[in-house]
Amino acid sequence: MTLILARASSEFILQVTDLLTTSKSSQLPFEKVANKNILFFASNGVVTLAYTGDAHIDNIPTDYWIAERLSGIKFNPYDPPAIQGSEHKKQDIGRVLRNICDELNHHKNSKRLILLISIQGWQWNSKGRARPLVGYITKLPPDNIFGVHYEPRDWYFKGAQTISSPRANFTMGELTELSHRLSNK
C-alpha cells in the first residue's frame, strides 16, 4: 500500500508518495510509475491530493478517477495530459471533496473500497487571506462511510506536523523523530 508523507506548517506544505502500485492478490507490481498525486486549483484554494488504497475504481486508475471528479473532464489513461485545465467554472474545495465522498458512498462496491485521500494545501477566504488546509477522505466510523475530515482551522499555530498515511506505516515515535529532525531544515 502506498506511503504518503506530508509535512505541513504555516510556511509550507509538502506531500510525497511512492510511484509503485501492486496487485492485491499477488502483491506483485503492475504499474511501476503510477501517479498518486494530483494538484488541484479550486475557486478558493490550491491543494495536492494523494491516495493510498485501491489502485483502480471501475477499472480506471484511481488518480484518473479522482482527477475526473475534480475537473469534470474524462481522461484517456493511454494518452494522459501532463497538465489539464478546464474552461468550466471552478468549484470550491469543500464542495468538490463532498462530491467525491458522495460518489464513493454511492459506488456499487462502496463497502469493499479501501481508499484514503490525503489533502494538503492552501485555502483562502473572500478577503484573500490564505491558511494551510490539511485533511483526508476515508471511511469514518461508526457508519463506515466515506467522509471528509479536516484538521482544526488553527492547527498551524501549534507548529508544524508530520503526517503519514496509512498510519500503520510509521509509528507515532518514528513520526515524532522525523518531525524533530525536520524542524531545523
N, C-alpha and C. Protein backbone atom coordinates (compact mmCIF):
# COMPACT_ATOMS: atom_id res chain seq x y z
N MET A 1 0.84 -1.18 0.00
CA MET A 1 0.00 0.00 0.00
C MET A 1 0.89 1.24 0.00
N THR A 2 0.49 2.24 -0.72
CA THR A 2 1.25 3.48 -0.88
C THR A 2 1.52 4.17 0.44
N LEU A 3 2.72 4.69 0.58
CA LEU A 3 3.06 5.50 1.72
C LEU A 3 2.95 6.96 1.30
N ILE A 4 2.20 7.75 2.05
CA ILE A 4 2.11 9.19 1.85
C ILE A 4 2.76 9.84 3.06
N LEU A 5 3.72 10.71 2.80
CA LEU A 5 4.33 11.50 3.86
C LEU A 5 4.07 12.97 3.56
N ALA A 6 3.63 13.69 4.58
CA ALA A 6 3.37 15.12 4.41
C ALA A 6 3.98 15.88 5.56
N ARG A 7 4.44 17.06 5.27
CA ARG A 7 4.95 17.99 6.29
C ARG A 7 4.20 19.29 6.06
N ALA A 8 3.49 19.73 7.07
CA ALA A 8 2.65 20.91 6.94
C ALA A 8 2.97 21.91 8.04
N SER A 9 3.04 23.17 7.67
CA SER A 9 3.27 24.25 8.64
C SER A 9 2.60 25.51 8.09
N SER A 10 2.75 26.61 8.80
CA SER A 10 2.16 27.86 8.31
C SER A 10 2.94 28.42 7.13
N GLU A 11 4.18 27.95 6.92
CA GLU A 11 5.00 28.45 5.82
C GLU A 11 4.91 27.60 4.55
N PHE A 12 4.77 26.29 4.70
CA PHE A 12 4.78 25.44 3.51
C PHE A 12 4.02 24.15 3.75
N ILE A 13 3.68 23.52 2.63
CA ILE A 13 3.05 22.20 2.63
C ILE A 13 3.88 21.34 1.68
N LEU A 14 4.25 20.15 2.11
CA LEU A 14 4.99 19.22 1.28
C LEU A 14 4.32 17.86 1.40
N GLN A 15 4.03 17.25 0.26
CA GLN A 15 3.42 15.92 0.28
C GLN A 15 4.09 15.06 -0.78
N VAL A 16 4.54 13.87 -0.39
CA VAL A 16 5.21 12.97 -1.33
C VAL A 16 4.63 11.56 -1.20
N THR A 17 4.73 10.80 -2.29
CA THR A 17 4.30 9.40 -2.29
C THR A 17 5.30 8.60 -3.11
N ASP A 18 5.16 7.28 -3.01
CA ASP A 18 5.92 6.43 -3.92
C ASP A 18 5.13 6.33 -5.23
N LEU A 19 5.69 5.63 -6.22
CA LEU A 19 5.03 5.52 -7.53
C LEU A 19 4.53 4.13 -7.85
N LEU A 20 4.92 3.14 -7.09
CA LEU A 20 4.63 1.75 -7.42
C LEU A 20 3.23 1.34 -6.96
N THR A 21 2.47 0.68 -7.84
CA THR A 21 1.21 0.06 -7.41
C THR A 21 1.39 -1.45 -7.50
N THR A 22 0.77 -2.15 -6.57
CA THR A 22 0.87 -3.61 -6.53
C THR A 22 -0.51 -4.23 -6.56
N SER A 23 -0.56 -5.44 -7.04
CA SER A 23 -1.81 -6.19 -7.09
C SER A 23 -2.19 -6.66 -5.69
N LYS A 24 -3.48 -6.55 -5.35
CA LYS A 24 -3.94 -7.03 -4.05
C LYS A 24 -3.72 -8.53 -3.89
N SER A 25 -4.02 -9.27 -4.95
CA SER A 25 -3.96 -10.72 -4.83
C SER A 25 -2.54 -11.26 -4.84
N SER A 26 -1.69 -10.79 -5.77
CA SER A 26 -0.35 -11.36 -5.88
C SER A 26 0.72 -10.56 -5.13
N GLN A 27 0.41 -9.31 -4.76
CA GLN A 27 1.37 -8.40 -4.13
C GLN A 27 2.53 -8.06 -5.06
N LEU A 28 2.37 -8.31 -6.36
CA LEU A 28 3.41 -8.00 -7.34
C LEU A 28 3.12 -6.65 -8.00
N PRO A 29 4.17 -5.92 -8.38
CA PRO A 29 3.97 -4.63 -9.05
C PRO A 29 3.27 -4.81 -10.39
N PHE A 30 2.36 -3.89 -10.73
CA PHE A 30 1.76 -3.94 -12.06
C PHE A 30 1.76 -2.59 -12.76
N GLU A 31 1.96 -1.52 -12.05
CA GLU A 31 2.17 -0.21 -12.68
C GLU A 31 3.36 0.40 -11.97
N LYS A 32 4.47 0.49 -12.65
CA LYS A 32 5.69 0.92 -11.99
C LYS A 32 5.78 2.42 -11.79
N VAL A 33 5.02 3.19 -12.54
CA VAL A 33 5.08 4.65 -12.41
C VAL A 33 3.68 5.25 -12.36
N ALA A 34 2.85 4.75 -11.49
CA ALA A 34 1.52 5.33 -11.32
C ALA A 34 1.66 6.70 -10.67
N ASN A 35 0.78 7.60 -11.04
CA ASN A 35 0.78 8.93 -10.43
C ASN A 35 -0.21 8.93 -9.29
N LYS A 36 0.25 9.14 -8.09
CA LYS A 36 -0.63 9.11 -6.92
C LYS A 36 -0.83 10.49 -6.33
N ASN A 37 -0.37 11.53 -7.06
CA ASN A 37 -0.54 12.91 -6.62
C ASN A 37 -1.28 13.71 -7.68
N ILE A 38 -2.16 14.56 -7.25
CA ILE A 38 -2.92 15.44 -8.14
C ILE A 38 -2.87 16.84 -7.56
N LEU A 39 -2.54 17.81 -8.38
CA LEU A 39 -2.57 19.21 -7.98
C LEU A 39 -3.87 19.80 -8.48
N PHE A 40 -4.65 20.41 -7.58
CA PHE A 40 -5.97 20.91 -7.94
C PHE A 40 -6.13 22.37 -7.55
N PHE A 41 -6.51 23.20 -8.54
CA PHE A 41 -6.79 24.61 -8.31
C PHE A 41 -8.30 24.78 -8.24
N ALA A 42 -8.78 25.25 -7.10
CA ALA A 42 -10.21 25.48 -6.89
C ALA A 42 -10.47 26.98 -6.87
N SER A 43 -11.72 27.37 -6.74
CA SER A 43 -12.05 28.79 -6.69
C SER A 43 -11.54 29.45 -5.42
N ASN A 44 -11.31 28.66 -4.38
CA ASN A 44 -10.89 29.22 -3.09
C ASN A 44 -9.64 28.56 -2.52
N GLY A 45 -8.78 28.05 -3.40
CA GLY A 45 -7.55 27.47 -2.89
C GLY A 45 -6.86 26.58 -3.89
N VAL A 46 -5.75 26.04 -3.44
CA VAL A 46 -4.99 25.07 -4.22
C VAL A 46 -4.55 23.97 -3.27
N VAL A 47 -4.75 22.72 -3.67
CA VAL A 47 -4.40 21.59 -2.82
C VAL A 47 -3.73 20.50 -3.66
N THR A 48 -2.97 19.68 -2.97
CA THR A 48 -2.47 18.46 -3.57
C THR A 48 -3.21 17.31 -2.91
N LEU A 49 -3.65 16.36 -3.71
CA LEU A 49 -4.34 15.18 -3.22
C LEU A 49 -3.49 13.97 -3.56
N ALA A 50 -3.32 13.08 -2.62
CA ALA A 50 -2.59 11.84 -2.84
C ALA A 50 -3.45 10.71 -2.29
N TYR A 51 -3.39 9.55 -2.93
CA TYR A 51 -4.22 8.44 -2.45
C TYR A 51 -3.39 7.25 -2.07
N THR A 52 -3.94 6.45 -1.17
CA THR A 52 -3.41 5.15 -0.84
C THR A 52 -4.61 4.21 -0.75
N GLY A 53 -4.43 3.00 -1.19
CA GLY A 53 -5.54 2.04 -1.19
C GLY A 53 -5.72 1.44 -2.57
N ASP A 54 -6.97 1.20 -2.95
CA ASP A 54 -7.26 0.57 -4.24
C ASP A 54 -6.67 1.38 -5.40
N ALA A 55 -5.96 0.68 -6.29
CA ALA A 55 -5.29 1.34 -7.42
C ALA A 55 -6.26 1.64 -8.57
N HIS A 56 -7.43 0.98 -8.58
CA HIS A 56 -8.41 1.21 -9.64
C HIS A 56 -9.81 1.31 -9.03
N ILE A 57 -10.61 2.17 -9.62
CA ILE A 57 -12.05 2.25 -9.32
C ILE A 57 -12.75 2.15 -10.66
N ASP A 58 -13.65 1.19 -10.80
CA ASP A 58 -14.34 0.95 -12.08
C ASP A 58 -13.36 0.71 -13.22
N ASN A 59 -12.28 -0.02 -12.98
CA ASN A 59 -11.25 -0.30 -13.97
C ASN A 59 -10.55 0.95 -14.50
N ILE A 60 -10.65 2.04 -13.76
CA ILE A 60 -9.97 3.29 -14.08
C ILE A 60 -8.91 3.50 -13.00
N PRO A 61 -7.67 3.85 -13.39
CA PRO A 61 -6.68 4.15 -12.34
C PRO A 61 -7.25 5.20 -11.38
N THR A 62 -7.02 5.00 -10.10
CA THR A 62 -7.63 5.86 -9.07
C THR A 62 -7.27 7.32 -9.26
N ASP A 63 -6.03 7.63 -9.66
CA ASP A 63 -5.69 9.04 -9.87
C ASP A 63 -6.52 9.66 -10.99
N TYR A 64 -6.79 8.90 -12.05
CA TYR A 64 -7.66 9.40 -13.13
C TYR A 64 -9.08 9.58 -12.61
N TRP A 65 -9.55 8.60 -11.85
CA TRP A 65 -10.92 8.68 -11.30
C TRP A 65 -11.08 9.94 -10.47
N ILE A 66 -10.10 10.22 -9.60
CA ILE A 66 -10.16 11.42 -8.76
C ILE A 66 -10.09 12.68 -9.63
N ALA A 67 -9.13 12.71 -10.57
CA ALA A 67 -8.95 13.89 -11.43
C ALA A 67 -10.20 14.17 -12.27
N GLU A 68 -10.87 13.13 -12.73
CA GLU A 68 -12.11 13.32 -13.49
C GLU A 68 -13.19 13.95 -12.63
N ARG A 69 -13.27 13.55 -11.36
CA ARG A 69 -14.29 14.11 -10.47
C ARG A 69 -13.95 15.56 -10.10
N LEU A 70 -12.67 15.87 -9.97
CA LEU A 70 -12.27 17.23 -9.65
C LEU A 70 -12.50 18.19 -10.81
N SER A 71 -12.20 17.73 -12.02
CA SER A 71 -12.22 18.62 -13.19
C SER A 71 -13.49 18.56 -14.02
N GLY A 72 -14.21 17.45 -13.94
CA GLY A 72 -15.36 17.27 -14.82
C GLY A 72 -14.96 16.86 -16.23
N ILE A 73 -13.72 16.44 -16.42
CA ILE A 73 -13.19 16.06 -17.74
C ILE A 73 -12.85 14.58 -17.73
N LYS A 74 -13.20 13.86 -18.80
CA LYS A 74 -12.82 12.45 -18.96
C LYS A 74 -11.41 12.40 -19.53
N PHE A 75 -10.57 11.51 -18.98
CA PHE A 75 -9.19 11.36 -19.43
C PHE A 75 -9.00 10.01 -20.09
N ASN A 76 -8.10 9.97 -21.05
CA ASN A 76 -7.70 8.72 -21.67
C ASN A 76 -6.45 8.22 -20.95
N PRO A 77 -6.55 7.12 -20.18
CA PRO A 77 -5.38 6.65 -19.43
C PRO A 77 -4.20 6.25 -20.31
N TYR A 78 -4.45 6.01 -21.61
CA TYR A 78 -3.38 5.61 -22.51
C TYR A 78 -2.71 6.80 -23.18
N ASP A 79 -3.30 8.00 -23.02
CA ASP A 79 -2.73 9.21 -23.58
C ASP A 79 -2.99 10.37 -22.61
N PRO A 80 -2.38 10.30 -21.41
CA PRO A 80 -2.69 11.30 -20.39
C PRO A 80 -2.05 12.66 -20.67
N PRO A 81 -2.73 13.73 -20.32
CA PRO A 81 -2.11 15.05 -20.45
C PRO A 81 -1.13 15.28 -19.30
N ALA A 82 -0.08 16.03 -19.55
CA ALA A 82 0.87 16.36 -18.48
C ALA A 82 0.21 17.32 -17.49
N ILE A 83 -0.60 18.22 -18.04
CA ILE A 83 -1.34 19.16 -17.20
C ILE A 83 -2.65 19.44 -17.92
N GLN A 84 -3.70 19.63 -17.17
CA GLN A 84 -5.01 19.83 -17.79
C GLN A 84 -5.74 20.93 -17.06
N GLY A 85 -6.24 21.86 -17.82
CA GLY A 85 -7.08 22.92 -17.27
C GLY A 85 -8.51 22.70 -17.74
N SER A 86 -9.41 23.45 -17.16
CA SER A 86 -10.80 23.29 -17.53
C SER A 86 -11.42 24.66 -17.73
N GLU A 87 -12.28 24.77 -18.73
CA GLU A 87 -12.97 26.02 -19.01
C GLU A 87 -14.20 26.19 -18.13
N HIS A 88 -14.68 25.11 -17.52
CA HIS A 88 -15.89 25.26 -16.72
C HIS A 88 -15.59 25.96 -15.40
N LYS A 89 -16.61 26.50 -14.80
CA LYS A 89 -16.45 27.29 -13.57
C LYS A 89 -15.80 26.44 -12.47
N LYS A 90 -14.77 27.02 -11.84
CA LYS A 90 -14.11 26.32 -10.75
C LYS A 90 -15.04 26.26 -9.55
N GLN A 91 -15.00 25.13 -8.86
CA GLN A 91 -15.81 24.95 -7.65
C GLN A 91 -14.95 25.15 -6.42
N ASP A 92 -15.60 25.33 -5.28
CA ASP A 92 -14.83 25.48 -4.05
C ASP A 92 -14.38 24.11 -3.55
N ILE A 93 -13.28 24.11 -2.82
CA ILE A 93 -12.63 22.87 -2.38
C ILE A 93 -13.60 22.00 -1.58
N GLY A 94 -14.30 22.59 -0.61
CA GLY A 94 -15.21 21.83 0.22
C GLY A 94 -16.28 21.11 -0.56
N ARG A 95 -16.88 21.79 -1.54
CA ARG A 95 -17.94 21.18 -2.35
C ARG A 95 -17.41 20.03 -3.18
N VAL A 96 -16.25 20.22 -3.80
CA VAL A 96 -15.67 19.16 -4.63
C VAL A 96 -15.34 17.93 -3.79
N LEU A 97 -14.78 18.13 -2.60
CA LEU A 97 -14.44 16.98 -1.75
C LEU A 97 -15.69 16.25 -1.26
N ARG A 98 -16.74 17.00 -0.95
CA ARG A 98 -18.01 16.35 -0.57
C ARG A 98 -18.59 15.56 -1.74
N ASN A 99 -18.47 16.09 -2.96
CA ASN A 99 -18.95 15.36 -4.14
C ASN A 99 -18.20 14.05 -4.33
N ILE A 100 -16.88 14.06 -4.10
CA ILE A 100 -16.10 12.82 -4.20
C ILE A 100 -16.60 11.81 -3.17
N CYS A 101 -16.83 12.27 -1.93
CA CYS A 101 -17.37 11.36 -0.89
C CYS A 101 -18.70 10.79 -1.31
N ASP A 102 -19.59 11.63 -1.84
CA ASP A 102 -20.91 11.15 -2.27
C ASP A 102 -20.78 10.08 -3.35
N GLU A 103 -19.90 10.32 -4.34
CA GLU A 103 -19.72 9.32 -5.40
C GLU A 103 -19.15 8.02 -4.85
N LEU A 104 -18.20 8.11 -3.92
CA LEU A 104 -17.64 6.90 -3.32
C LEU A 104 -18.69 6.15 -2.52
N ASN A 105 -19.53 6.86 -1.78
CA ASN A 105 -20.57 6.21 -0.97
C ASN A 105 -21.67 5.60 -1.81
N HIS A 106 -21.90 6.13 -3.00
CA HIS A 106 -22.94 5.58 -3.88
C HIS A 106 -22.38 4.59 -4.90
N HIS A 107 -21.09 4.34 -4.83
CA HIS A 107 -20.45 3.40 -5.74
C HIS A 107 -20.96 1.98 -5.45
N LYS A 108 -21.11 1.18 -6.49
CA LYS A 108 -21.64 -0.18 -6.33
C LYS A 108 -20.78 -1.05 -5.42
N ASN A 109 -19.48 -0.78 -5.34
CA ASN A 109 -18.59 -1.55 -4.47
C ASN A 109 -18.12 -0.74 -3.27
N SER A 110 -18.91 0.21 -2.84
CA SER A 110 -18.52 1.12 -1.76
C SER A 110 -18.05 0.38 -0.51
N LYS A 111 -18.73 -0.68 -0.13
CA LYS A 111 -18.37 -1.40 1.11
C LYS A 111 -17.01 -2.05 1.02
N ARG A 112 -16.58 -2.42 -0.20
CA ARG A 112 -15.30 -3.11 -0.36
C ARG A 112 -14.15 -2.16 -0.71
N LEU A 113 -14.46 -0.92 -1.08
CA LEU A 113 -13.40 0.02 -1.44
C LEU A 113 -12.51 0.33 -0.24
N ILE A 114 -11.22 0.29 -0.48
CA ILE A 114 -10.23 0.71 0.53
C ILE A 114 -9.52 1.90 -0.07
N LEU A 115 -9.70 3.06 0.56
CA LEU A 115 -9.15 4.27 -0.02
C LEU A 115 -8.97 5.33 1.06
N LEU A 116 -7.84 6.01 1.00
CA LEU A 116 -7.60 7.19 1.81
C LEU A 116 -7.02 8.24 0.87
N ILE A 117 -7.62 9.42 0.83
CA ILE A 117 -7.14 10.52 0.01
C ILE A 117 -6.64 11.60 0.96
N SER A 118 -5.35 11.87 0.90
CA SER A 118 -4.74 12.90 1.73
C SER A 118 -4.86 14.25 1.02
N ILE A 119 -5.21 15.28 1.77
CA ILE A 119 -5.43 16.62 1.20
C ILE A 119 -4.54 17.60 1.94
N GLN A 120 -3.65 18.27 1.22
CA GLN A 120 -2.74 19.26 1.81
C GLN A 120 -2.70 20.46 0.89
N GLY A 121 -2.80 21.65 1.43
CA GLY A 121 -2.70 22.83 0.57
C GLY A 121 -3.06 24.11 1.27
N TRP A 122 -3.59 25.03 0.49
CA TRP A 122 -3.93 26.37 0.98
C TRP A 122 -5.35 26.70 0.57
N GLN A 123 -6.06 27.33 1.47
CA GLN A 123 -7.42 27.77 1.20
C GLN A 123 -7.50 29.25 1.58
N TRP A 124 -8.22 30.03 0.79
CA TRP A 124 -8.35 31.45 1.13
C TRP A 124 -9.81 31.82 1.25
N ASN A 125 -10.03 32.89 2.02
CA ASN A 125 -11.40 33.37 2.23
C ASN A 125 -11.72 34.47 1.22
N SER A 126 -12.89 35.07 1.34
CA SER A 126 -13.33 36.08 0.38
C SER A 126 -12.45 37.34 0.40
N LYS A 127 -11.71 37.54 1.48
CA LYS A 127 -10.80 38.68 1.57
C LYS A 127 -9.41 38.34 1.03
N GLY A 128 -9.21 37.11 0.60
CA GLY A 128 -7.94 36.70 0.03
C GLY A 128 -6.91 36.25 1.05
N ARG A 129 -7.30 36.12 2.32
CA ARG A 129 -6.36 35.63 3.33
C ARG A 129 -6.27 34.12 3.24
N ALA A 130 -5.03 33.63 3.13
CA ALA A 130 -4.82 32.19 2.98
C ALA A 130 -4.46 31.55 4.31
N ARG A 131 -4.83 30.27 4.43
CA ARG A 131 -4.45 29.47 5.59
C ARG A 131 -4.14 28.08 5.09
N PRO A 132 -3.24 27.36 5.79
CA PRO A 132 -2.96 25.99 5.39
C PRO A 132 -4.19 25.11 5.63
N LEU A 133 -4.39 24.17 4.74
CA LEU A 133 -5.52 23.24 4.84
C LEU A 133 -4.96 21.83 4.85
N VAL A 134 -5.33 21.05 5.85
CA VAL A 134 -4.90 19.67 5.98
C VAL A 134 -6.13 18.82 6.27
N GLY A 135 -6.29 17.74 5.53
CA GLY A 135 -7.42 16.86 5.76
C GLY A 135 -7.27 15.55 5.01
N TYR A 136 -8.31 14.75 5.05
CA TYR A 136 -8.30 13.50 4.31
C TYR A 136 -9.73 13.01 4.11
N ILE A 137 -9.88 12.15 3.10
CA ILE A 137 -11.14 11.46 2.83
C ILE A 137 -10.88 9.98 3.08
N THR A 138 -11.72 9.37 3.89
CA THR A 138 -11.65 7.92 4.10
C THR A 138 -12.97 7.49 4.74
N LYS A 139 -13.12 6.19 4.96
CA LYS A 139 -14.30 5.70 5.66
C LYS A 139 -14.17 6.05 7.13
N LEU A 140 -15.21 6.65 7.66
CA LEU A 140 -15.19 7.08 9.05
C LEU A 140 -16.16 6.24 9.89
N PRO A 141 -15.73 5.82 11.07
CA PRO A 141 -16.63 5.09 11.96
C PRO A 141 -17.66 6.05 12.54
N PRO A 142 -18.78 5.63 13.04
CA PRO A 142 -19.19 4.24 13.19
C PRO A 142 -19.94 3.71 11.97
N ASP A 143 -20.30 4.59 11.02
CA ASP A 143 -21.13 4.17 9.88
C ASP A 143 -20.36 3.51 8.76
N ASN A 144 -19.02 3.62 8.79
CA ASN A 144 -18.17 3.04 7.76
C ASN A 144 -18.51 3.57 6.37
N ILE A 145 -18.76 4.90 6.30
CA ILE A 145 -18.99 5.55 5.02
C ILE A 145 -17.91 6.61 4.81
N PHE A 146 -17.66 6.95 3.55
CA PHE A 146 -16.63 7.93 3.24
C PHE A 146 -17.05 9.31 3.71
N GLY A 147 -16.11 10.00 4.32
CA GLY A 147 -16.33 11.36 4.78
C GLY A 147 -15.05 12.15 4.71
N VAL A 148 -15.17 13.48 4.81
CA VAL A 148 -14.01 14.37 4.81
C VAL A 148 -13.72 14.77 6.24
N HIS A 149 -12.47 14.66 6.63
CA HIS A 149 -12.04 15.11 7.95
C HIS A 149 -11.01 16.21 7.73
N TYR A 150 -11.19 17.34 8.43
CA TYR A 150 -10.23 18.44 8.36
C TYR A 150 -9.59 18.62 9.73
N GLU A 151 -8.32 19.01 9.72
CA GLU A 151 -7.68 19.43 10.96
C GLU A 151 -8.34 20.74 11.39
N PRO A 152 -8.33 21.07 12.69
CA PRO A 152 -8.93 22.34 13.12
C PRO A 152 -8.33 23.52 12.37
N ARG A 153 -9.11 24.57 12.15
CA ARG A 153 -8.68 25.72 11.36
C ARG A 153 -7.36 26.34 11.85
N ASP A 154 -7.10 26.29 13.14
CA ASP A 154 -5.92 26.95 13.68
C ASP A 154 -4.80 25.98 14.07
N TRP A 155 -4.78 24.78 13.51
CA TRP A 155 -3.80 23.77 13.89
C TRP A 155 -2.37 24.27 13.75
N TYR A 156 -2.10 25.10 12.77
CA TYR A 156 -0.72 25.51 12.47
C TYR A 156 -0.15 26.49 13.49
N PHE A 157 -0.99 27.07 14.37
CA PHE A 157 -0.48 27.93 15.44
C PHE A 157 0.35 27.13 16.45
N LYS A 158 0.13 25.82 16.49
CA LYS A 158 0.88 24.96 17.41
C LYS A 158 2.18 24.46 16.78
N GLY A 159 2.48 24.88 15.56
CA GLY A 159 3.71 24.45 14.89
C GLY A 159 3.41 23.56 13.71
N ALA A 160 4.44 22.90 13.22
CA ALA A 160 4.32 22.02 12.06
C ALA A 160 3.87 20.63 12.49
N GLN A 161 3.37 19.89 11.54
CA GLN A 161 3.04 18.49 11.80
C GLN A 161 3.55 17.63 10.66
N THR A 162 3.94 16.42 11.01
CA THR A 162 4.37 15.44 10.05
C THR A 162 3.32 14.34 10.04
N ILE A 163 2.83 14.02 8.85
CA ILE A 163 1.68 13.12 8.73
C ILE A 163 2.08 11.94 7.85
N SER A 164 1.61 10.77 8.22
CA SER A 164 1.86 9.57 7.44
C SER A 164 0.54 8.87 7.19
N SER A 165 0.38 8.34 5.98
CA SER A 165 -0.80 7.56 5.65
C SER A 165 -0.36 6.36 4.84
N PRO A 166 -0.88 5.20 5.07
CA PRO A 166 -1.69 4.84 6.23
C PRO A 166 -0.87 4.89 7.52
N ARG A 167 -1.56 5.12 8.61
CA ARG A 167 -0.90 5.30 9.91
C ARG A 167 -0.02 4.11 10.29
N ALA A 168 -0.39 2.92 9.85
CA ALA A 168 0.35 1.72 10.23
C ALA A 168 1.77 1.69 9.66
N ASN A 169 2.06 2.52 8.64
CA ASN A 169 3.39 2.50 8.03
C ASN A 169 4.46 3.15 8.90
N PHE A 170 4.08 4.07 9.76
CA PHE A 170 5.00 4.75 10.67
C PHE A 170 4.40 4.75 12.06
N THR A 171 5.20 4.44 13.05
CA THR A 171 4.72 4.55 14.43
C THR A 171 4.71 6.02 14.82
N MET A 172 4.01 6.35 15.89
CA MET A 172 3.98 7.72 16.37
C MET A 172 5.39 8.17 16.78
N GLY A 173 6.17 7.27 17.34
CA GLY A 173 7.55 7.59 17.71
C GLY A 173 8.40 7.92 16.49
N GLU A 174 8.26 7.15 15.41
CA GLU A 174 9.00 7.41 14.19
C GLU A 174 8.61 8.75 13.57
N LEU A 175 7.31 9.06 13.60
CA LEU A 175 6.86 10.36 13.08
C LEU A 175 7.38 11.51 13.92
N THR A 176 7.37 11.33 15.24
CA THR A 176 7.89 12.37 16.14
C THR A 176 9.38 12.59 15.88
N GLU A 177 10.13 11.51 15.75
CA GLU A 177 11.57 11.60 15.44
C GLU A 177 11.79 12.30 14.11
N LEU A 178 11.04 11.94 13.08
CA LEU A 178 11.17 12.57 11.77
C LEU A 178 10.83 14.06 11.87
N SER A 179 9.80 14.38 12.60
CA SER A 179 9.38 15.77 12.79
C SER A 179 10.48 16.58 13.46
N HIS A 180 11.11 16.02 14.50
CA HIS A 180 12.21 16.72 15.18
C HIS A 180 13.40 16.91 14.25
N ARG A 181 13.70 15.91 13.45
CA ARG A 181 14.84 16.01 12.52
C ARG A 181 14.58 17.05 11.44
N LEU A 182 13.32 17.27 11.08
CA LEU A 182 12.99 18.24 10.04
C LEU A 182 12.81 19.65 10.58
N SER A 183 12.67 19.80 11.89
CA SER A 183 12.30 21.09 12.47
C SER A 183 13.28 22.22 12.18
N ASN A 184 14.55 21.94 12.01
CA ASN A 184 15.53 22.99 11.72
C ASN A 184 15.87 23.11 10.24
N LYS A 185 15.20 22.35 9.42
CA LYS A 185 15.53 22.35 7.99
C LYS A 185 14.72 23.39 7.25
